[in-house]
Amino acid sequence: MKQEWKGVGRYGTVGLELVLSVIVGLFGGQFLDHRFHTAPWLMLVGLGYGIAAGVRGLYRAAERATREADELERREREERKRYRKKSE
């Protein structure tokens, strides 16, 4: 049960990370556009970086989930082998 809540906490923030990355990039670019009078170019660059950072976060979370699933599967396989040896 404790492990399930740990997973919810770890992967429940992925959506928040994606949204915040895009928002920070967008507003950071808008701020720089107003400061340097380059509208809309720095906003678009900031938005692009925000989207890239968000997608990177999603990719890293997916990799972590895959590694954890592979590790769980490996452990289950080992347990089945041990159980079969004890049964024989």
PDB file of N, CA and C in Angstrom:
ATOM      1  N   MET A   1       0.820  -1.189   0.000  1.00  0.00           N
ATOM      2  CA  MET A   1       0.000   0.000   0.000  1.00  0.00           C
ATOM      3  C   MET A   1       0.869   1.260   0.000  1.00  0.00           C
ATOM      4  N   LYS A   2       1.925   1.262   0.797  1.00  0.00           N
ATOM      5  CA  LYS A   2       2.802   2.419   0.883  1.00  0.00           C
ATOM      6  C   LYS A   2       3.472   2.692  -0.465  1.00  0.00           C
ATOM      7  N   GLN A   3       3.867   1.628  -1.151  1.00  0.00           N
ATOM      8  CA  GLN A   3       4.517   1.764  -2.449  1.00  0.00           C
ATOM      9  C   GLN A   3       3.572   2.382  -3.483  1.00  0.00           C
ATOM     10  N   GLU A   4       2.284   2.052  -3.417  1.00  0.00           N
ATOM     11  CA  GLU A   4       1.314   2.606  -4.357  1.00  0.00           C
ATOM     12  C   GLU A   4       1.201   4.117  -4.188  1.00  0.00           C
ATOM     13  N   TRP A   5       1.168   4.596  -2.954  1.00  0.00           N
ATOM     14  CA  TRP A   5       1.069   6.029  -2.702  1.00  0.00           C
ATOM     15  C   TRP A   5       2.341   6.744  -3.147  1.00  0.00           C
ATOM     16  N   LYS A   6       3.451   6.062  -3.029  1.00  0.00           N
ATOM     17  CA  LYS A   6       4.710   6.647  -3.472  1.00  0.00           C
ATOM     18  C   LYS A   6       4.677   6.865  -4.988  1.00  0.00           C
ATOM     19  N   GLY A   7       4.144   5.905  -5.711  1.00  0.00           N
ATOM     20  CA  GLY A   7       4.011   6.024  -7.159  1.00  0.00           C
ATOM     21  C   GLY A   7       3.046   7.118  -7.563  1.00  0.00           C
ATOM     22  N   VAL A   8       1.955   7.253  -6.817  1.00  0.00           N
ATOM     23  CA  VAL A   8       0.985   8.308  -7.106  1.00  0.00           C
ATOM     24  C   VAL A   8       1.639   9.673  -6.924  1.00  0.00           C
ATOM     25  N   GLY A   9       2.409   9.827  -5.867  1.00  0.00           N
ATOM     26  CA  GLY A   9       3.091  11.092  -5.639  1.00  0.00           C
ATOM     27  C   GLY A   9       4.128  11.398  -6.694  1.00  0.00           C
ATOM     28  N   ARG A  10       4.851  10.372  -7.109  1.00  0.00           N
ATOM     29  CA  ARG A  10       5.925  10.564  -8.085  1.00  0.00           C
ATOM     30  C   ARG A  10       5.366  10.893  -9.463  1.00  0.00           C
ATOM     31  N   TYR A  11       4.354  10.171  -9.895  1.00  0.00           N
ATOM     32  CA  TYR A  11       3.843  10.355 -11.250  1.00  0.00           C
ATOM     33  C   TYR A  11       2.657  11.307 -11.306  1.00  0.00           C
ATOM     34  N   GLY A  12       2.102  11.654 -10.172  1.00  0.00           N
ATOM     35  CA  GLY A  12       0.992  12.598 -10.153  1.00  0.00           C
ATOM     36  C   GLY A  12       1.428  14.020 -10.440  1.00  0.00           C
ATOM     37  N   THR A  13       2.698  14.299 -10.305  1.00  0.00           N
ATOM     38  CA  THR A  13       3.207  15.644 -10.538  1.00  0.00           C
ATOM     39  C   THR A  13       3.669  15.869 -11.972  1.00  0.00           C
ATOM     40  N   VAL A  14       3.597  14.848 -12.803  1.00  0.00           N
ATOM     41  CA  VAL A  14       4.085  14.971 -14.177  1.00  0.00           C
ATOM     42  C   VAL A  14       3.256  15.992 -14.953  1.00  0.00           C
ATOM     43  N   GLY A  15       1.955  15.948 -14.814  1.00  0.00           N
ATOM     44  CA  GLY A  15       1.094  16.908 -15.499  1.00  0.00           C
ATOM     45  C   GLY A  15       1.342  18.323 -15.026  1.00  0.00           C
ATOM     46  N   LEU A  16       1.516  18.476 -13.728  1.00  0.00           N
ATOM     47  CA  LEU A  16       1.807  19.789 -13.172  1.00  0.00           C
ATOM     48  C   LEU A  16       3.141  20.314 -13.704  1.00  0.00           C
ATOM     49  N   GLU A  17       4.122  19.447 -13.788  1.00  0.00           N
ATOM     50  CA  GLU A  17       5.431  19.842 -14.316  1.00  0.00           C
ATOM     51  C   GLU A  17       5.313  20.295 -15.764  1.00  0.00           C
ATOM     52  N   LEU A  18       4.517  19.592 -16.559  1.00  0.00           N
ATOM     53  CA  LEU A  18       4.331  19.958 -17.960  1.00  0.00           C
ATOM     54  C   LEU A  18       3.697  21.341 -18.072  1.00  0.00           C
ATOM     55  N   VAL A  19       2.615  21.561 -17.343  1.00  0.00           N
ATOM     56  CA  VAL A  19       1.903  22.836 -17.418  1.00  0.00           C
ATOM     57  C   VAL A  19       2.778  23.983 -16.924  1.00  0.00           C
ATOM     58  N   LEU A  20       3.451  23.787 -15.807  1.00  0.00           N
ATOM     59  CA  LEU A  20       4.293  24.853 -15.267  1.00  0.00           C
ATOM     60  C   LEU A  20       5.466  25.183 -16.188  1.00  0.00           C
ATOM     61  N   SER A  21       6.031  24.182 -16.835  1.00  0.00           N
ATOM     62  CA  SER A  21       7.131  24.437 -17.768  1.00  0.00           C
ATOM     63  C   SER A  21       6.672  25.320 -18.919  1.00  0.00           C
ATOM     64  N   VAL A  22       5.506  25.014 -19.467  1.00  0.00           N
ATOM     65  CA  VAL A  22       4.985  25.800 -20.580  1.00  0.00           C
ATOM     66  C   VAL A  22       4.666  27.225 -20.122  1.00  0.00           C
ATOM     67  N   ILE A  23       4.032  27.360 -18.958  1.00  0.00           N
ATOM     68  CA  ILE A  23       3.657  28.686 -18.456  1.00  0.00           C
ATOM     69  C   ILE A  23       4.885  29.534 -18.160  1.00  0.00           C
ATOM     70  N   VAL A  24       5.882  28.960 -17.505  1.00  0.00           N
ATOM     71  CA  VAL A  24       7.095  29.718 -17.192  1.00  0.00           C
ATOM     72  C   VAL A  24       7.797  30.151 -18.480  1.00  0.00           C
ATOM     73  N   GLY A  25       7.878  29.274 -19.457  1.00  0.00           N
ATOM     74  CA  GLY A  25       8.493  29.646 -20.734  1.00  0.00           C
ATOM     75  C   GLY A  25       7.729  30.735 -21.445  1.00  0.00           C
ATOM     76  N   LEU A  26       6.406  30.631 -21.442  1.00  0.00           N
ATOM     77  CA  LEU A  26       5.569  31.616 -22.112  1.00  0.00           C
ATOM     78  C   LEU A  26       5.681  32.985 -21.452  1.00  0.00           C
ATOM     79  N   PHE A  27       5.485  33.040 -20.146  1.00  0.00           N
ATOM     80  CA  PHE A  27       5.531  34.325 -19.451  1.00  0.00           C
ATOM     81  C   PHE A  27       6.938  34.897 -19.375  1.00  0.00           C
ATOM     82  N   GLY A  28       7.928  34.037 -19.280  1.00  0.00           N
ATOM     83  CA  GLY A  28       9.307  34.524 -19.323  1.00  0.00           C
ATOM     84  C   GLY A  28       9.612  35.176 -20.660  1.00  0.00           C
ATOM     85  N   GLY A  29       9.158  34.556 -21.731  1.00  0.00           N
ATOM     86  CA  GLY A  29       9.345  35.135 -23.065  1.00  0.00           C
ATOM     87  C   GLY A  29       8.589  36.439 -23.236  1.00  0.00           C
ATOM     88  N   GLN A  30       7.367  36.507 -22.702  1.00  0.00           N
ATOM     89  CA  GLN A  30       6.599  37.756 -22.774  1.00  0.00           C
ATOM     90  C   GLN A  30       7.299  38.872 -22.008  1.00  0.00           C
ATOM     91  N   PHE A  31       7.824  38.545 -20.828  1.00  0.00           N
ATOM     92  CA  PHE A  31       8.536  39.543 -20.036  1.00  0.00           C
ATOM     93  C   PHE A  31       9.731  40.091 -20.821  1.00  0.00           C
ATOM     94  N   LEU A  32      10.493  39.189 -21.417  1.00  0.00           N
ATOM     95  CA  LEU A  32      11.660  39.628 -22.183  1.00  0.00           C
ATOM     96  C   LEU A  32      11.255  40.406 -23.430  1.00  0.00           C
ATOM     97  N   ASP A  33      10.129  40.029 -24.050  1.00  0.00           N
ATOM     98  CA  ASP A  33       9.631  40.784 -25.198  1.00  0.00           C
ATOM     99  C   ASP A  33       9.299  42.222 -24.812  1.00  0.00           C
ATOM    100  N   HIS A  34       8.646  42.413 -23.678  1.00  0.00           N
ATOM    101  CA  HIS A  34       8.307  43.765 -23.226  1.00  0.00           C
ATOM    102  C   HIS A  34       9.567  44.556 -22.868  1.00  0.00           C
ATOM    103  N   ARG A  35      10.528  43.872 -22.317  1.00  0.00           N
ATOM    104  CA  ARG A  35      11.759  44.559 -21.894  1.00  0.00           C
ATOM    105  C   ARG A  35      12.618  44.980 -23.084  1.00  0.00           C
ATOM    106  N   PHE A  36      12.719  44.115 -24.097  1.00  0.00           N
ATOM    107  CA  PHE A  36      13.594  44.392 -25.232  1.00  0.00           C
ATOM    108  C   PHE A  36      12.838  44.794 -26.503  1.00  0.00           C
ATOM    109  N   HIS A  37      11.505  44.889 -26.440  1.00  0.00           N
ATOM    110  CA  HIS A  37      10.662  45.295 -27.582  1.00  0.00           C
ATOM    111  C   HIS A  37      10.897  44.399 -28.800  1.00  0.00           C
ATOM    112  N   THR A  38      10.807  43.100 -28.578  1.00  0.00           N
ATOM    113  CA  THR A  38      11.029  42.139 -29.665  1.00  0.00           C
ATOM    114  C   THR A  38       9.799  41.291 -29.945  1.00  0.00           C
ATOM    115  N   ALA A  39       8.626  41.745 -29.511  1.00  0.00           N
ATOM    116  CA  ALA A  39       7.399  40.946 -29.606  1.00  0.00           C
ATOM    117  C   ALA A  39       7.186  40.433 -31.021  1.00  0.00           C
ATOM    118  N   PRO A  40       6.748  39.249 -31.198  1.00  0.00           N
ATOM    119  CA  PRO A  40       6.464  38.137 -30.304  1.00  0.00           C
ATOM    120  C   PRO A  40       7.571  37.099 -30.248  1.00  0.00           C
ATOM    121  N   TRP A  41       8.773  37.437 -30.712  1.00  0.00           N
ATOM    122  CA  TRP A  41       9.816  36.437 -30.933  1.00  0.00           C
ATOM    123  C   TRP A  41      10.311  35.759 -29.663  1.00  0.00           C
ATOM    124  N   LEU A  42      10.607  36.500 -28.640  1.00  0.00           N
ATOM    125  CA  LEU A  42      11.114  35.859 -27.423  1.00  0.00           C
ATOM    126  C   LEU A  42      10.021  35.064 -26.710  1.00  0.00           C
ATOM    127  N   MET A  43       8.763  35.494 -26.862  1.00  0.00           N
ATOM    128  CA  MET A  43       7.663  34.721 -26.301  1.00  0.00           C
ATOM    129  C   MET A  43       7.585  33.354 -26.988  1.00  0.00           C
ATOM    130  N   LEU A  44       7.747  33.351 -28.299  1.00  0.00           N
ATOM    131  CA  LEU A  44       7.702  32.088 -29.040  1.00  0.00           C
ATOM    132  C   LEU A  44       8.885  31.189 -28.676  1.00  0.00           C
ATOM    133  N   VAL A  45      10.050  31.796 -28.508  1.00  0.00           N
ATOM    134  CA  VAL A  45      11.229  31.028 -28.108  1.00  0.00           C
ATOM    135  C   VAL A  45      11.009  30.451 -26.705  1.00  0.00           C
ATOM    136  N   GLY A  46      10.507  31.281 -25.793  1.00  0.00           N
ATOM    137  CA  GLY A  46      10.223  30.816 -24.433  1.00  0.00           C
ATOM    138  C   GLY A  46       9.181  29.718 -24.419  1.00  0.00           C
ATOM    139  N   LEU A  47       8.149  29.869 -25.245  1.00  0.00           N
ATOM    140  CA  LEU A  47       7.125  28.834 -25.341  1.00  0.00           C
ATOM    141  C   LEU A  47       7.724  27.534 -25.858  1.00  0.00           C
ATOM    142  N   GLY A  48       8.588  27.632 -26.846  1.00  0.00           N
ATOM    143  CA  GLY A  48       9.245  26.437 -27.384  1.00  0.00           C
ATOM    144  C   GLY A  48      10.093  25.732 -26.337  1.00  0.00           C
ATOM    145  N   TYR A  49      10.872  26.519 -25.586  1.00  0.00           N
ATOM    146  CA  TYR A  49      11.683  25.930 -24.519  1.00  0.00           C
ATOM    147  C   TYR A  49      10.811  25.331 -23.418  1.00  0.00           C
ATOM    148  N   GLY A  50       9.703  25.995 -23.111  1.00  0.00           N
ATOM    149  CA  GLY A  50       8.785  25.464 -22.099  1.00  0.00           C
ATOM    150  C   GLY A  50       8.181  24.140 -22.522  1.00  0.00           C
ATOM    151  N   ILE A  51       7.763  24.063 -23.761  1.00  0.00           N
ATOM    152  CA  ILE A  51       7.201  22.806 -24.278  1.00  0.00           C
ATOM    153  C   ILE A  51       8.264  21.717 -24.275  1.00  0.00           C
ATOM    154  N   ALA A  52       9.481  22.074 -24.704  1.00  0.00           N
ATOM    155  CA  ALA A  52      10.565  21.085 -24.720  1.00  0.00           C
ATOM    156  C   ALA A  52      10.872  20.582 -23.308  1.00  0.00           C
ATOM    157  N   ALA A  53      10.892  21.481 -22.343  1.00  0.00           N
ATOM    158  CA  ALA A  53      11.152  21.073 -20.960  1.00  0.00           C
ATOM    159  C   ALA A  53      10.032  20.178 -20.432  1.00  0.00           C
ATOM    160  N   GLY A  54       8.791  20.498 -20.781  1.00  0.00           N
ATOM    161  CA  GLY A  54       7.665  19.673 -20.351  1.00  0.00           C
ATOM    162  C   GLY A  54       7.699  18.281 -20.959  1.00  0.00           C
ATOM    163  N   VAL A  55       8.007  18.214 -22.236  1.00  0.00           N
ATOM    164  CA  VAL A  55       8.093  16.913 -22.915  1.00  0.00           C
ATOM    165  C   VAL A  55       9.250  16.102 -22.346  1.00  0.00           C
ATOM    166  N   ARG A  56      10.349  16.781 -22.030  1.00  0.00           N
ATOM    167  CA  ARG A  56      11.488  16.083 -21.411  1.00  0.00           C
ATOM    168  C   ARG A  56      11.089  15.476 -20.072  1.00  0.00           C
ATOM    169  N   GLY A  57      10.311  16.216 -19.297  1.00  0.00           N
ATOM    170  CA  GLY A  57       9.819  15.686 -18.020  1.00  0.00           C
ATOM    171  C   GLY A  57       8.931  14.472 -18.213  1.00  0.00           C
ATOM    172  N   LEU A  58       8.050  14.524 -19.217  1.00  0.00           N
ATOM    173  CA  LEU A  58       7.200  13.368 -19.521  1.00  0.00           C
ATOM    174  C   LEU A  58       8.038  12.159 -19.930  1.00  0.00           C
ATOM    175  N   TYR A  59       9.042  12.390 -20.763  1.00  0.00           N
ATOM    176  CA  TYR A  59       9.900  11.310 -21.233  1.00  0.00           C
ATOM    177  C   TYR A  59      10.661  10.671 -20.070  1.00  0.00           C
ATOM    178  N   ARG A  60      11.202  11.503 -19.183  1.00  0.00           N
ATOM    179  CA  ARG A  60      11.929  10.972 -18.036  1.00  0.00           C
ATOM    180  C   ARG A  60      11.016  10.167 -17.120  1.00  0.00           C
ATOM    181  N   ALA A  61       9.785  10.633 -16.923  1.00  0.00           N
ATOM    182  CA  ALA A  61       8.839   9.891 -16.087  1.00  0.00           C
ATOM    183  C   ALA A  61       8.487   8.549 -16.733  1.00  0.00           C
ATOM    184  N   ALA A  62       8.326   8.544 -18.049  1.00  0.00           N
ATOM    185  CA  ALA A  62       8.018   7.292 -18.748  1.00  0.00           C
ATOM    186  C   ALA A  62       9.188   6.317 -18.644  1.00  0.00           C
ATOM    187  N   GLU A  63      10.408   6.818 -18.785  1.00  0.00           N
ATOM    188  CA  GLU A  63      11.586   5.957 -18.634  1.00  0.00           C
ATOM    189  C   GLU A  63      11.658   5.365 -17.226  1.00  0.00           C
ATOM    190  N   ARG A  64      11.399   6.194 -16.233  1.00  0.00           N
ATOM    191  CA  ARG A  64      11.447   5.734 -14.842  1.00  0.00           C
ATOM    192  C   ARG A  64      10.375   4.663 -14.600  1.00  0.00           C
ATOM    193  N   ALA A  65       9.187   4.881 -15.133  1.00  0.00           N
ATOM    194  CA  ALA A  65       8.113   3.902 -14.965  1.00  0.00           C
ATOM    195  C   ALA A  65       8.470   2.587 -15.646  1.00  0.00           C
ATOM    196  N   THR A  66       9.079   2.666 -16.811  1.00  0.00           N
ATOM    197  CA  THR A  66       9.484   1.450 -17.520  1.00  0.00           C
ATOM    198  C   THR A  66      10.546   0.694 -16.741  1.00  0.00           C
ATOM    199  N   ARG A  67      11.535   1.418 -16.202  1.00  0.00           N
ATOM    200  CA  ARG A  67      12.568   0.762 -15.402  1.00  0.00           C
ATOM    201  C   ARG A  67      11.976   0.085 -14.176  1.00  0.00           C
ATOM    202  N   GLU A  68      11.046   0.763 -13.510  1.00  0.00           N
ATOM    203  CA  GLU A  68      10.432   0.179 -12.324  1.00  0.00           C
ATOM    204  C   GLU A  68       9.601  -1.052 -12.672  1.00  0.00           C
ATOM    205  N   ALA A  69       8.884  -0.999 -13.797  1.00  0.00           N
ATOM    206  CA  ALA A  69       8.095  -2.147 -14.221  1.00  0.00           C
ATOM    207  C   ALA A  69       8.991  -3.328 -14.586  1.00  0.00           C
ATOM    208  N   ASP A  70      10.099  -3.058 -15.260  1.00  0.00           N
ATOM    209  CA  ASP A  70      11.043  -4.122 -15.608  1.00  0.00           C
ATOM    210  C   ASP A  70      11.644  -4.755 -14.352  1.00  0.00           C
ATOM    211  N   GLU A  71      11.995  -3.926 -13.376  1.00  0.00           N
ATOM    212  CA  GLU A  71      12.559  -4.430 -12.125  1.00  0.00           C
ATOM    213  C   GLU A  71      11.532  -5.285 -11.380  1.00  0.00           C
ATOM    214  N   LEU A  72      10.288  -4.853 -11.349  1.00  0.00           N
ATOM    215  CA  LEU A  72       9.233  -5.623 -10.696  1.00  0.00           C
ATOM    216  C   LEU A  72       9.026  -6.964 -11.400  1.00  0.00           C
ATOM    217  N   GLU A  73       9.039  -6.942 -12.716  1.00  0.00           N
ATOM    218  CA  GLU A  73       8.879  -8.183 -13.487  1.00  0.00           C
ATOM    219  C   GLU A  73      10.044  -9.136 -13.225  1.00  0.00           C
ATOM    220  N   ARG A  74      11.259  -8.602 -13.155  1.00  0.00           N
ATOM    221  CA  ARG A  74      12.431  -9.434 -12.883  1.00  0.00           C
ATOM    222  C   ARG A  74      12.321 -10.087 -11.504  1.00  0.00           C
ATOM    223  N   ARG A  75      11.905  -9.317 -10.513  1.00  0.00           N
ATOM    224  CA  ARG A  75      11.743  -9.870  -9.169  1.00  0.00           C
ATOM    225  C   ARG A  75      10.681 -10.958  -9.129  1.00  0.00           C
ATOM    226  N   GLU A  76       9.569 -10.726  -9.832  1.00  0.00           N
ATOM    227  CA  GLU A  76       8.508 -11.734  -9.862  1.00  0.00           C
ATOM    228  C   GLU A  76       8.984 -13.017 -10.529  1.00  0.00           C
ATOM    229  N   ARG A  77       9.771 -12.894 -11.609  1.00  0.00           N
ATOM    230  CA  ARG A  77      10.321 -14.069 -12.276  1.00  0.00           C
ATOM    231  C   ARG A  77      11.215 -14.872 -11.339  1.00  0.00           C
ATOM    232  N   GLU A  78      12.060 -14.166 -10.584  1.00  0.00           N
ATOM    233  CA  GLU A  78      12.937 -14.842  -9.632  1.00  0.00           C
ATOM    234  C   GLU A  78      12.138 -15.547  -8.544  1.00  0.00           C
ATOM    235  N   GLU A  79      11.092 -14.921  -8.058  1.00  0.00           N
ATOM    236  CA  GLU A  79      10.239 -15.536  -7.038  1.00  0.00           C
ATOM    237  C   GLU A  79       9.562 -16.794  -7.582  1.00  0.00           C
ATOM    238  N   ARG A  80       9.102 -16.750  -8.828  1.00  0.00           N
ATOM    239  CA  ARG A  80       8.467 -17.933  -9.423  1.00  0.00           C
ATOM    240  C   ARG A  80       9.464 -19.074  -9.558  1.00  0.00           C
ATOM    241  N   LYS A  81      10.706 -18.734  -9.947  1.00  0.00           N
ATOM    242  CA  LYS A  81      11.727 -19.772 -10.068  1.00  0.00           C
ATOM    243  C   LYS A  81      11.998 -20.417  -8.702  1.00  0.00           C
ATOM    244  N   ARG A  82      12.111 -19.581  -7.660  1.00  0.00           N
ATOM    245  CA  ARG A  82      12.344 -20.110  -6.321  1.00  0.00           C
ATOM    246  C   ARG A  82      11.169 -20.972  -5.860  1.00  0.00           C
ATOM    247  N   TYR A  83       9.973 -20.552  -6.156  1.00  0.00           N
ATOM    248  CA  TYR A  83       8.787 -21.306  -5.748  1.00  0.00           C
ATOM    249  C   TYR A  83       8.754 -22.665  -6.450  1.00  0.00           C
ATOM    250  N   ARG A  84       9.082 -22.675  -7.747  1.00  0.00           N
ATOM    251  CA  ARG A  84       9.080 -23.931  -8.496  1.00  0.00           C
ATOM    252  C   ARG A  84      10.134 -24.887  -7.961  1.00  0.00           C
ATOM    253  N   LYS A  85      11.291 -24.374  -7.572  1.00  0.00           N
ATOM    254  CA  LYS A  85      12.345 -25.233  -7.021  1.00  0.00           C
ATOM    255  C   LYS A  85      11.923 -25.816  -5.690  1.00  0.00           C
ATOM    256  N   LYS A  86      11.216 -25.042  -4.886  1.00  0.00           N
ATOM    257  CA  LYS A  86      10.742 -25.546  -3.594  1.00  0.00           C
ATOM    258  C   LYS A  86       9.653 -26.589  -3.778  1.00  0.00           C
ATOM    259  N   SER A  87       8.859 -26.459  -4.826  1.00  0.00           N
ATOM    260  CA  SER A  87       7.760 -27.394  -5.069  1.00  0.00           C
ATOM    261  C   SER A  87       8.244 -28.751  -5.543  1.00  0.00           C
ATOM    262  N   GLU A  88       9.394 -28.780  -6.180  1.00  0.00           N
ATOM    263  CA  GLU A  88       9.886 -30.027  -6.756  1.00  0.00           C
ATOM    264  C   GLU A  88      10.441 -30.945  -5.741  1.00  0.00           C
TER     265      GLU A  88
END
